[in-house]
Amino acid sequence: MGVPTQRHTKSRRNKGRSHMALKQPVFSYCAKCHVKKMPHQICENCGYYGGKEVIDVLAKLEKKERKKKKKDLAVQEQKAGK
């Protein structure tokens, strides 16, 4: 295995690390609801991309609520069974 023959100085080390800095993400705005979103991504708020509805957000919310209610009922039944 190779061993470095000379030590790298602090400045050479830091110059190499200069490109490792994190870059701030770029945001764009949804054309329909004007909420910040990542470019080339579906808007999480309204479900639109490129002026077309891709995801039915309301149906997704209803499904989440039903799932949560079902889970809450299961927890209550478990507590009542003890």
PDB file of N, CA and C in Angstrom:
ATOM      1  N   MET A   1       0.838  -1.184   0.000  1.00  0.00           N
ATOM      2  CA  MET A   1       0.000   0.000   0.000  1.00  0.00           C
ATOM      3  C   MET A   1       0.879   1.242   0.000  1.00  0.00           C
ATOM      4  N   GLY A   2       0.515   2.214  -0.799  1.00  0.00           N
ATOM      5  CA  GLY A   2       1.336   3.414  -0.927  1.00  0.00           C
ATOM      6  C   GLY A   2       1.262   4.302   0.297  1.00  0.00           C
ATOM      7  N   VAL A   3       2.405   4.865   0.651  1.00  0.00           N
ATOM      8  CA  VAL A   3       2.488   5.780   1.778  1.00  0.00           C
ATOM      9  C   VAL A   3       2.954   7.130   1.237  1.00  0.00           C
ATOM     10  N   PRO A   4       2.305   8.248   1.624  1.00  0.00           N
ATOM     11  CA  PRO A   4       2.747   9.541   1.112  1.00  0.00           C
ATOM     12  C   PRO A   4       4.156   9.868   1.605  1.00  0.00           C
ATOM     13  N   THR A   5       4.996  10.337   0.685  1.00  0.00           N
ATOM     14  CA  THR A   5       6.377  10.643   1.063  1.00  0.00           C
ATOM     15  C   THR A   5       6.486  12.001   1.719  1.00  0.00           C
ATOM     16  N   GLN A   6       5.568  12.916   1.394  1.00  0.00           N
ATOM     17  CA  GLN A   6       5.600  14.233   2.013  1.00  0.00           C
ATOM     18  C   GLN A   6       4.227  14.578   2.570  1.00  0.00           C
ATOM     19  N   ARG A   7       4.280  15.365   3.618  1.00  0.00           N
ATOM     20  CA  ARG A   7       3.040  15.776   4.275  1.00  0.00           C
ATOM     21  C   ARG A   7       2.344  16.871   3.448  1.00  0.00           C
ATOM     22  N   HIS A   8       1.011  16.805   3.361  1.00  0.00           N
ATOM     23  CA  HIS A   8       0.249  17.860   2.690  1.00  0.00           C
ATOM     24  C   HIS A   8       0.058  19.015   3.665  1.00  0.00           C
ATOM     25  N   THR A   9       0.266  20.225   3.203  1.00  0.00           N
ATOM     26  CA  THR A   9       0.097  21.387   4.066  1.00  0.00           C
ATOM     27  C   THR A   9      -1.388  21.637   4.323  1.00  0.00           C
ATOM     28  N   LYS A  10      -1.652  22.488   5.307  1.00  0.00           N
ATOM     29  CA  LYS A  10      -3.044  22.821   5.642  1.00  0.00           C
ATOM     30  C   LYS A  10      -3.745  23.484   4.462  1.00  0.00           C
ATOM     31  N   SER A  11      -3.020  24.330   3.749  1.00  0.00           N
ATOM     32  CA  SER A  11      -3.652  25.041   2.632  1.00  0.00           C
ATOM     33  C   SER A  11      -3.997  24.077   1.499  1.00  0.00           C
ATOM     34  N   ARG A  12      -3.140  23.107   1.216  1.00  0.00           N
ATOM     35  CA  ARG A  12      -3.443  22.128   0.162  1.00  0.00           C
ATOM     36  C   ARG A  12      -4.631  21.264   0.574  1.00  0.00           C
ATOM     37  N   ARG A  13      -4.655  20.895   1.855  1.00  0.00           N
ATOM     38  CA  ARG A  13      -5.776  20.106   2.365  1.00  0.00           C
ATOM     39  C   ARG A  13      -7.080  20.891   2.228  1.00  0.00           C
ATOM     40  N   ASN A  14      -7.052  22.159   2.635  1.00  0.00           N
ATOM     41  CA  ASN A  14      -8.261  22.979   2.608  1.00  0.00           C
ATOM     42  C   ASN A  14      -8.705  23.316   1.188  1.00  0.00           C
ATOM     43  N   LYS A  15      -7.752  23.450   0.262  1.00  0.00           N
ATOM     44  CA  LYS A  15      -8.111  23.698  -1.137  1.00  0.00           C
ATOM     45  C   LYS A  15      -8.874  22.511  -1.711  1.00  0.00           C
ATOM     46  N   GLY A  16      -8.484  21.329  -1.336  1.00  0.00           N
ATOM     47  CA  GLY A  16      -9.189  20.139  -1.806  1.00  0.00           C
ATOM     48  C   GLY A  16     -10.590  20.048  -1.235  1.00  0.00           C
ATOM     49  N   ARG A  17     -10.750  20.553  -0.019  1.00  0.00           N
ATOM     50  CA  ARG A  17     -12.058  20.483   0.645  1.00  0.00           C
ATOM     51  C   ARG A  17     -12.986  21.633   0.250  1.00  0.00           C
ATOM     52  N   SER A  18     -12.495  22.576  -0.530  1.00  0.00           N
ATOM     53  CA  SER A  18     -13.306  23.749  -0.868  1.00  0.00           C
ATOM     54  C   SER A  18     -14.553  23.375  -1.659  1.00  0.00           C
ATOM     55  N   HIS A  19     -14.525  22.273  -2.381  1.00  0.00           N
ATOM     56  CA  HIS A  19     -15.671  21.863  -3.189  1.00  0.00           C
ATOM     57  C   HIS A  19     -16.644  20.977  -2.421  1.00  0.00           C
ATOM     58  N   MET A  20     -16.350  20.680  -1.166  1.00  0.00           N
ATOM     59  CA  MET A  20     -17.216  19.812  -0.374  1.00  0.00           C
ATOM     60  C   MET A  20     -18.305  20.585   0.358  1.00  0.00           C
ATOM     61  N   ALA A  21     -18.318  21.902   0.242  1.00  0.00           N
ATOM     62  CA  ALA A  21     -19.313  22.715   0.938  1.00  0.00           C
ATOM     63  C   ALA A  21     -20.707  22.402   0.408  1.00  0.00           C
ATOM     64  N   LEU A  22     -21.695  22.433   1.290  1.00  0.00           N
ATOM     65  CA  LEU A  22     -23.074  22.177   0.890  1.00  0.00           C
ATOM     66  C   LEU A  22     -23.633  23.387   0.160  1.00  0.00           C
ATOM     67  N   LYS A  23     -24.372  23.122  -0.890  1.00  0.00           N
ATOM     68  CA  LYS A  23     -25.004  24.198  -1.644  1.00  0.00           C
ATOM     69  C   LYS A  23     -26.462  24.307  -1.223  1.00  0.00           C
ATOM     70  N   GLN A  24     -26.955  25.527  -1.188  1.00  0.00           N
ATOM     71  CA  GLN A  24     -28.337  25.753  -0.807  1.00  0.00           C
ATOM     72  C   GLN A  24     -29.261  25.255  -1.919  1.00  0.00           C
ATOM     73  N   PRO A  25     -30.337  24.539  -1.567  1.00  0.00           N
ATOM     74  CA  PRO A  25     -31.230  24.027  -2.611  1.00  0.00           C
ATOM     75  C   PRO A  25     -31.957  25.163  -3.332  1.00  0.00           C
ATOM     76  N   VAL A  26     -32.234  24.931  -4.603  1.00  0.00           N
ATOM     77  CA  VAL A  26     -32.934  25.917  -5.425  1.00  0.00           C
ATOM     78  C   VAL A  26     -34.420  25.574  -5.409  1.00  0.00           C
ATOM     79  N   PHE A  27     -35.250  26.575  -5.207  1.00  0.00           N
ATOM     80  CA  PHE A  27     -36.690  26.364  -5.185  1.00  0.00           C
ATOM     81  C   PHE A  27     -37.339  27.102  -6.341  1.00  0.00           C
ATOM     82  N   SER A  28     -38.456  26.565  -6.798  1.00  0.00           N
ATOM     83  CA  SER A  28     -39.292  27.272  -7.762  1.00  0.00           C
ATOM     84  C   SER A  28     -40.680  27.367  -7.136  1.00  0.00           C
ATOM     85  N   TYR A  29     -41.578  28.069  -7.791  1.00  0.00           N
ATOM     86  CA  TYR A  29     -42.915  28.247  -7.245  1.00  0.00           C
ATOM     87  C   TYR A  29     -43.928  27.512  -8.105  1.00  0.00           C
ATOM     88  N   CYS A  30     -44.907  26.910  -7.465  1.00  0.00           N
ATOM     89  CA  CYS A  30     -45.980  26.212  -8.168  1.00  0.00           C
ATOM     90  C   CYS A  30     -46.796  27.246  -8.944  1.00  0.00           C
ATOM     91  N   ALA A  31     -47.112  26.930 -10.185  1.00  0.00           N
ATOM     92  CA  ALA A  31     -47.862  27.858 -11.031  1.00  0.00           C
ATOM     93  C   ALA A  31     -49.314  27.981 -10.580  1.00  0.00           C
ATOM     94  N   LYS A  32     -49.839  26.953  -9.917  1.00  0.00           N
ATOM     95  CA  LYS A  32     -51.252  26.967  -9.528  1.00  0.00           C
ATOM     96  C   LYS A  32     -51.464  27.586  -8.147  1.00  0.00           C
ATOM     97  N   CYS A  33     -50.727  27.104  -7.143  1.00  0.00           N
ATOM     98  CA  CYS A  33     -50.983  27.566  -5.769  1.00  0.00           C
ATOM     99  C   CYS A  33     -49.879  28.480  -5.226  1.00  0.00           C
ATOM    100  N   HIS A  34     -48.802  28.710  -5.986  1.00  0.00           N
ATOM    101  CA  HIS A  34     -47.727  29.639  -5.640  1.00  0.00           C
ATOM    102  C   HIS A  34     -47.025  29.282  -4.330  1.00  0.00           C
ATOM    103  N   VAL A  35     -46.835  27.998  -4.091  1.00  0.00           N
ATOM    104  CA  VAL A  35     -46.102  27.518  -2.925  1.00  0.00           C
ATOM    105  C   VAL A  35     -44.716  27.095  -3.396  1.00  0.00           C
ATOM    106  N   LYS A  36     -43.695  27.271  -2.535  1.00  0.00           N
ATOM    107  CA  LYS A  36     -42.345  26.848  -2.900  1.00  0.00           C
ATOM    108  C   LYS A  36     -42.309  25.340  -3.104  1.00  0.00           C
ATOM    109  N   LYS A  37     -41.582  24.901  -4.140  1.00  0.00           N
ATOM    110  CA  LYS A  37     -41.421  23.477  -4.391  1.00  0.00           C
ATOM    111  C   LYS A  37     -40.083  23.257  -5.070  1.00  0.00           C
ATOM    112  N   MET A  38     -39.617  22.031  -5.046  1.00  0.00           N
ATOM    113  CA  MET A  38     -38.380  21.692  -5.742  1.00  0.00           C
ATOM    114  C   MET A  38     -38.659  21.680  -7.241  1.00  0.00           C
ATOM    115  N   PRO A  39     -37.708  22.128  -8.063  1.00  0.00           N
ATOM    116  CA  PRO A  39     -37.942  22.105  -9.510  1.00  0.00           C
ATOM    117  C   PRO A  39     -38.051  20.680 -10.035  1.00  0.00           C
ATOM    118  N   HIS A  40     -38.859  20.480 -11.049  1.00  0.00           N
ATOM    119  CA  HIS A  40     -39.096  19.176 -11.684  1.00  0.00           C
ATOM    120  C   HIS A  40     -39.731  18.179 -10.719  1.00  0.00           C
ATOM    121  N   GLN A  41     -40.482  18.664  -9.744  1.00  0.00           N
ATOM    122  CA  GLN A  41     -41.172  17.812  -8.780  1.00  0.00           C
ATOM    123  C   GLN A  41     -42.650  18.193  -8.762  1.00  0.00           C
ATOM    124  N   ILE A  42     -43.490  17.246  -8.375  1.00  0.00           N
ATOM    125  CA  ILE A  42     -44.916  17.510  -8.217  1.00  0.00           C
ATOM    126  C   ILE A  42     -45.111  18.380  -6.981  1.00  0.00           C
ATOM    127  N   CYS A  43     -46.022  19.334  -7.057  1.00  0.00           N
ATOM    128  CA  CYS A  43     -46.332  20.189  -5.909  1.00  0.00           C
ATOM    129  C   CYS A  43     -47.029  19.342  -4.848  1.00  0.00           C
ATOM    130  N   GLU A  44     -46.483  19.347  -3.629  1.00  0.00           N
ATOM    131  CA  GLU A  44     -47.072  18.559  -2.545  1.00  0.00           C
ATOM    132  C   GLU A  44     -48.375  19.167  -2.052  1.00  0.00           C
ATOM    133  N   ASN A  45     -48.546  20.466  -2.262  1.00  0.00           N
ATOM    134  CA  ASN A  45     -49.722  21.161  -1.762  1.00  0.00           C
ATOM    135  C   ASN A  45     -50.961  20.896  -2.612  1.00  0.00           C
ATOM    136  N   CYS A  46     -50.808  20.965  -3.952  1.00  0.00           N
ATOM    137  CA  CYS A  46     -51.985  20.830  -4.817  1.00  0.00           C
ATOM    138  C   CYS A  46     -51.927  19.616  -5.744  1.00  0.00           C
ATOM    139  N   GLY A  47     -50.752  18.985  -5.901  1.00  0.00           N
ATOM    140  CA  GLY A  47     -50.647  17.786  -6.725  1.00  0.00           C
ATOM    141  C   GLY A  47     -50.520  18.053  -8.212  1.00  0.00           C
ATOM    142  N   TYR A  48     -50.209  19.281  -8.606  1.00  0.00           N
ATOM    143  CA  TYR A  48     -50.090  19.635 -10.018  1.00  0.00           C
ATOM    144  C   TYR A  48     -48.627  19.626 -10.451  1.00  0.00           C
ATOM    145  N   TYR A  49     -48.397  19.291 -11.720  1.00  0.00           N
ATOM    146  CA  TYR A  49     -47.076  19.382 -12.337  1.00  0.00           C
ATOM    147  C   TYR A  49     -47.267  19.751 -13.799  1.00  0.00           C
ATOM    148  N   GLY A  50     -46.652  20.820 -14.219  1.00  0.00           N
ATOM    149  CA  GLY A  50     -46.764  21.255 -15.609  1.00  0.00           C
ATOM    150  C   GLY A  50     -48.171  21.645 -16.000  1.00  0.00           C
ATOM    151  N   GLY A  51     -48.949  22.189 -15.058  1.00  0.00           N
ATOM    152  CA  GLY A  51     -50.303  22.633 -15.351  1.00  0.00           C
ATOM    153  C   GLY A  51     -51.338  21.525 -15.374  1.00  0.00           C
ATOM    154  N   LYS A  52     -50.939  20.293 -15.042  1.00  0.00           N
ATOM    155  CA  LYS A  52     -51.882  19.173 -15.036  1.00  0.00           C
ATOM    156  C   LYS A  52     -51.918  18.541 -13.653  1.00  0.00           C
ATOM    157  N   GLU A  53     -53.106  18.071 -13.253  1.00  0.00           N
ATOM    158  CA  GLU A  53     -53.227  17.400 -11.966  1.00  0.00           C
ATOM    159  C   GLU A  53     -52.680  15.983 -12.100  1.00  0.00           C
ATOM    160  N   VAL A  54     -51.661  15.684 -11.315  1.00  0.00           N
ATOM    161  CA  VAL A  54     -51.010  14.380 -11.376  1.00  0.00           C
ATOM    162  C   VAL A  54     -51.461  13.504 -10.216  1.00  0.00           C
ATOM    163  N   ILE A  55     -51.616  14.111  -9.040  1.00  0.00           N
ATOM    164  CA  ILE A  55     -52.024  13.382  -7.840  1.00  0.00           C
ATOM    165  C   ILE A  55     -53.271  14.044  -7.273  1.00  0.00           C
ATOM    166  N   ASP A  56     -54.256  13.234  -6.904  1.00  0.00           N
ATOM    167  CA  ASP A  56     -55.451  13.749  -6.243  1.00  0.00           C
ATOM    168  C   ASP A  56     -55.127  13.876  -4.758  1.00  0.00           C
ATOM    169  N   VAL A  57     -54.765  15.084  -4.329  1.00  0.00           N
ATOM    170  CA  VAL A  57     -54.301  15.322  -2.970  1.00  0.00           C
ATOM    171  C   VAL A  57     -55.417  15.085  -1.956  1.00  0.00           C
ATOM    172  N   LEU A  58     -56.645  15.465  -2.283  1.00  0.00           N
ATOM    173  CA  LEU A  58     -57.755  15.289  -1.343  1.00  0.00           C
ATOM    174  C   LEU A  58     -58.008  13.812  -1.064  1.00  0.00           C
ATOM    175  N   ALA A  59     -57.962  12.988  -2.093  1.00  0.00           N
ATOM    176  CA  ALA A  59     -58.165  11.552  -1.896  1.00  0.00           C
ATOM    177  C   ALA A  59     -57.055  10.973  -1.030  1.00  0.00           C
ATOM    178  N   LYS A  60     -55.840  11.476  -1.231  1.00  0.00           N
ATOM    179  CA  LYS A  60     -54.709  10.998  -0.447  1.00  0.00           C
ATOM    180  C   LYS A  60     -54.889  11.371   1.029  1.00  0.00           C
ATOM    181  N   LEU A  61     -55.375  12.593   1.286  1.00  0.00           N
ATOM    182  CA  LEU A  61     -55.618  13.036   2.658  1.00  0.00           C
ATOM    183  C   LEU A  61     -56.691  12.184   3.329  1.00  0.00           C
ATOM    184  N   GLU A  62     -57.773  11.916   2.598  1.00  0.00           N
ATOM    185  CA  GLU A  62     -58.851  11.098   3.152  1.00  0.00           C
ATOM    186  C   GLU A  62     -58.346   9.707   3.503  1.00  0.00           C
ATOM    187  N   LYS A  63     -57.522   9.147   2.649  1.00  0.00           N
ATOM    188  CA  LYS A  63     -56.972   7.816   2.900  1.00  0.00           C
ATOM    189  C   LYS A  63     -56.107   7.830   4.158  1.00  0.00           C
ATOM    190  N   LYS A  64     -55.302   8.899   4.326  1.00  0.00           N
ATOM    191  CA  LYS A  64     -54.455   9.025   5.505  1.00  0.00           C
ATOM    192  C   LYS A  64     -55.299   9.106   6.772  1.00  0.00           C
ATOM    193  N   GLU A  65     -56.383   9.901   6.705  1.00  0.00           N
ATOM    194  CA  GLU A  65     -57.253  10.058   7.871  1.00  0.00           C
ATOM    195  C   GLU A  65     -57.926   8.739   8.236  1.00  0.00           C
ATOM    196  N   ARG A  66     -58.405   7.994   7.220  1.00  0.00           N
ATOM    197  CA  ARG A  66     -59.026   6.692   7.489  1.00  0.00           C
ATOM    198  C   ARG A  66     -58.034   5.746   8.156  1.00  0.00           C
ATOM    199  N   LYS A  67     -56.809   5.752   7.669  1.00  0.00           N
ATOM    200  CA  LYS A  67     -55.780   4.873   8.218  1.00  0.00           C
ATOM    201  C   LYS A  67     -55.484   5.244   9.673  1.00  0.00           C
ATOM    202  N   LYS A  68     -55.436   6.561   9.959  1.00  0.00           N
ATOM    203  CA  LYS A  68     -55.155   7.019  11.312  1.00  0.00           C
ATOM    204  C   LYS A  68     -56.286   6.627  12.260  1.00  0.00           C
ATOM    205  N   LYS A  69     -57.541   6.791  11.808  1.00  0.00           N
ATOM    206  CA  LYS A  69     -58.686   6.412  12.637  1.00  0.00           C
ATOM    207  C   LYS A  69     -58.668   4.923  12.941  1.00  0.00           C
ATOM    208  N   LYS A  70     -58.347   4.126  11.934  1.00  0.00           N
ATOM    209  CA  LYS A  70     -58.291   2.674  12.111  1.00  0.00           C
ATOM    210  C   LYS A  70     -57.224   2.306  13.144  1.00  0.00           C
ATOM    211  N   LYS A  71     -56.089   2.987  13.083  1.00  0.00           N
ATOM    212  CA  LYS A  71     -55.006   2.724  14.024  1.00  0.00           C
ATOM    213  C   LYS A  71     -55.419   3.125  15.439  1.00  0.00           C
ATOM    214  N   ASP A  72     -56.083   4.287  15.570  1.00  0.00           N
ATOM    215  CA  ASP A  72     -56.538   4.747  16.881  1.00  0.00           C
ATOM    216  C   ASP A  72     -57.539   3.768  17.493  1.00  0.00           C
ATOM    217  N   LEU A  73     -58.464   3.250  16.672  1.00  0.00           N
ATOM    218  CA  LEU A  73     -59.433   2.273  17.163  1.00  0.00           C
ATOM    219  C   LEU A  73     -58.745   1.009  17.640  1.00  0.00           C
ATOM    220  N   ALA A  74     -57.736   0.563  16.919  1.00  0.00           N
ATOM    221  CA  ALA A  74     -57.003  -0.641  17.307  1.00  0.00           C
ATOM    222  C   ALA A  74     -56.298  -0.437  18.642  1.00  0.00           C
ATOM    223  N   VAL A  75     -55.741   0.753  18.854  1.00  0.00           N
ATOM    224  CA  VAL A  75     -55.057   1.054  20.113  1.00  0.00           C
ATOM    225  C   VAL A  75     -56.062   1.082  21.261  1.00  0.00           C
ATOM    226  N   GLN A  76     -57.238   1.678  21.029  1.00  0.00           N
ATOM    227  CA  GLN A  76     -58.268   1.741  22.067  1.00  0.00           C
ATOM    228  C   GLN A  76     -58.765   0.348  22.429  1.00  0.00           C
ATOM    229  N   GLU A  77     -58.952  -0.505  21.425  1.00  0.00           N
ATOM    230  CA  GLU A  77     -59.398  -1.874  21.687  1.00  0.00           C
ATOM    231  C   GLU A  77     -58.354  -2.642  22.477  1.00  0.00           C
ATOM    232  N   GLN A  78     -57.087  -2.384  22.172  1.00  0.00           N
ATOM    233  CA  GLN A  78     -56.017  -3.061  22.893  1.00  0.00           C
ATOM    234  C   GLN A  78     -56.018  -2.632  24.355  1.00  0.00           C
ATOM    235  N   LYS A  79     -56.214  -1.331  24.603  1.00  0.00           N
ATOM    236  CA  LYS A  79     -56.248  -0.826  25.975  1.00  0.00           C
ATOM    237  C   LYS A  79     -57.455  -1.383  26.725  1.00  0.00           C
ATOM    238  N   ALA A  80     -58.597  -1.481  26.052  1.00  0.00           N
ATOM    239  CA  ALA A  80     -59.814  -1.992  26.682  1.00  0.00           C
ATOM    240  C   ALA A  80     -59.686  -3.485  26.983  1.00  0.00           C
ATOM    241  N   GLY A  81     -58.935  -4.199  26.174  1.00  0.00           N
ATOM    242  CA  GLY A  81     -58.762  -5.641  26.353  1.00  0.00           C
ATOM    243  C   GLY A  81     -57.878  -5.995  27.529  1.00  0.00           C
ATOM    244  N   LYS A  82     -57.061  -5.087  27.992  1.00  0.00           N
ATOM    245  CA  LYS A  82     -56.127  -5.369  29.097  1.00  0.00           C
ATOM    246  C   LYS A  82     -56.805  -5.391  30.421  1.00  0.00           C
TER     247      LYS A  82
END
